[in-house]
Amino acid sequence: MKVPKKKFSYFLFIYGTIVFILSFLFNYWANAIVNPQVLSAKPYFHIITSLPFAFEMSLFFSGLLVFIRFVLVTRYNTQNSYLSNNISKSEQNENLS
């Protein structure tokens, strides 16, 4: 049994990658350009400390996008007749009882 590939997963991967790069650049901008602080001769920007921030931001915004898509699909999808049929059948069974 093959699971069909969805187009949304490719879009989500590209979206997450773009968010990762933008949050990495934001961290560089905030630490090295706008507010540089010299602390015991350390450099303004560390890649190691910026990677967790960029990763967490990409997870957050990708999850937010998945949640928004889920809400929109479940709210405005009229072609999903399985769920609506089961709900209407259960309401009919309750009304008959």
Protein backbone atom coordinates (compact mmCIF):
# COMPACT_ATOMS: atom_id res chain seq x y z
CA MET A 1 0.00 0.00 0.00
CA LYS A 2 1.55 3.25 -1.12
CA VAL A 3 0.96 6.51 0.66
CA PRO A 4 0.49 9.33 -1.85
CA LYS A 5 2.86 12.26 -1.54
CA LYS A 6 1.20 15.53 -0.73
CA LYS A 7 2.14 18.85 -2.29
CA PHE A 8 1.75 20.57 1.07
CA SER A 9 4.71 18.68 2.53
CA TYR A 10 7.03 20.12 -0.12
CA PHE A 11 5.64 23.58 0.50
CA LEU A 12 6.07 23.14 4.24
CA PHE A 13 9.70 22.05 3.80
CA ILE A 14 10.48 25.09 1.66
CA TYR A 15 8.61 27.35 4.09
CA GLY A 16 10.53 25.90 7.06
CA THR A 17 13.85 26.35 5.26
CA ILE A 18 13.05 29.98 4.43
CA VAL A 19 12.01 30.66 8.04
CA PHE A 20 15.23 29.00 9.25
CA ILE A 21 17.37 31.23 7.04
CA LEU A 22 15.42 34.39 7.92
CA SER A 23 15.61 33.71 11.66
CA PHE A 24 19.33 33.00 11.32
CA LEU A 25 19.78 36.34 9.53
CA PHE A 26 17.61 38.09 12.11
CA ASN A 27 19.77 36.73 14.89
CA TYR A 28 22.88 37.97 13.08
CA TRP A 29 21.30 41.37 12.53
CA ALA A 30 20.19 41.69 16.16
CA ASN A 31 23.50 40.56 17.67
CA ALA A 32 26.13 41.94 15.29
CA ILE A 33 24.67 44.97 13.53
CA VAL A 34 22.10 46.67 15.77
CA ASN A 35 23.40 45.82 19.21
CA PRO A 36 27.04 44.65 19.13
CA GLN A 37 28.42 43.93 22.58
CA VAL A 38 32.04 43.09 23.22
CA LEU A 39 32.13 40.64 26.09
CA SER A 40 35.66 39.49 27.03
CA ALA A 41 36.90 39.65 23.42
CA LYS A 42 34.29 37.23 22.09
CA PRO A 43 32.92 37.77 18.57
CA TYR A 44 29.62 39.53 18.01
CA PHE A 45 27.96 36.55 16.39
CA HIS A 46 28.21 32.82 17.13
CA ILE A 47 26.84 30.27 14.73
CA ILE A 48 26.52 27.65 17.48
CA THR A 49 24.25 29.83 19.60
CA SER A 50 22.18 30.92 16.60
CA LEU A 51 21.33 27.43 15.32
CA PRO A 52 18.96 26.46 18.17
CA PHE A 53 17.15 29.79 17.84
CA ALA A 54 16.73 29.37 14.08
CA PHE A 55 15.61 25.75 14.50
CA GLU A 56 13.02 26.61 17.14
CA MET A 57 11.64 29.49 15.07
CA SER A 58 11.31 27.26 12.00
CA LEU A 59 9.47 24.65 14.08
CA PHE A 60 7.17 27.27 15.59
CA PHE A 61 6.20 28.94 12.32
CA SER A 62 5.86 25.64 10.45
CA GLY A 63 3.62 24.31 13.21
CA LEU A 64 1.60 27.50 13.12
CA LEU A 65 1.17 27.14 9.35
CA VAL A 66 0.06 23.51 9.74
CA PHE A 67 -2.47 24.52 12.40
CA ILE A 68 -3.89 27.34 10.25
CA ARG A 69 -4.16 24.99 7.27
CA PHE A 70 -5.89 22.37 9.44
CA VAL A 71 -8.44 24.90 10.67
CA LEU A 72 -9.12 26.20 7.16
CA VAL A 73 -9.44 22.74 5.63
CA THR A 74 -11.75 21.41 8.32
CA ARG A 75 -13.88 24.53 8.29
CA TYR A 76 -14.26 25.07 4.55
CA ASN A 77 -13.90 21.56 3.12
CA THR A 78 -17.31 20.51 1.81
CA GLN A 79 -16.01 17.48 -0.07
CA ASN A 80 -15.28 15.53 3.11
CA SER A 81 -18.57 13.69 3.12
CA TYR A 82 -17.41 10.89 5.46
CA LEU A 83 -17.32 13.11 8.53
CA SER A 84 -20.53 14.94 7.72
CA ASN A 85 -22.33 11.66 6.93
CA ASN A 86 -21.26 10.12 10.21
CA ILE A 87 -22.34 13.19 12.15
CA SER A 88 -25.71 13.31 10.43
CA LYS A 89 -26.26 9.56 11.00
CA SER A 90 -25.42 9.87 14.68
CA GLU A 91 -27.80 12.84 15.00
CA GLN A 92 -30.52 10.84 13.28
CA ASN A 93 -29.94 7.91 15.64
CA GLU A 94 -30.20 10.23 18.62
CA ASN A 95 -33.41 11.74 17.30
CA LEU A 96 -34.95 8.29 16.76
CA SER A 97 -34.14 7.18 20.31
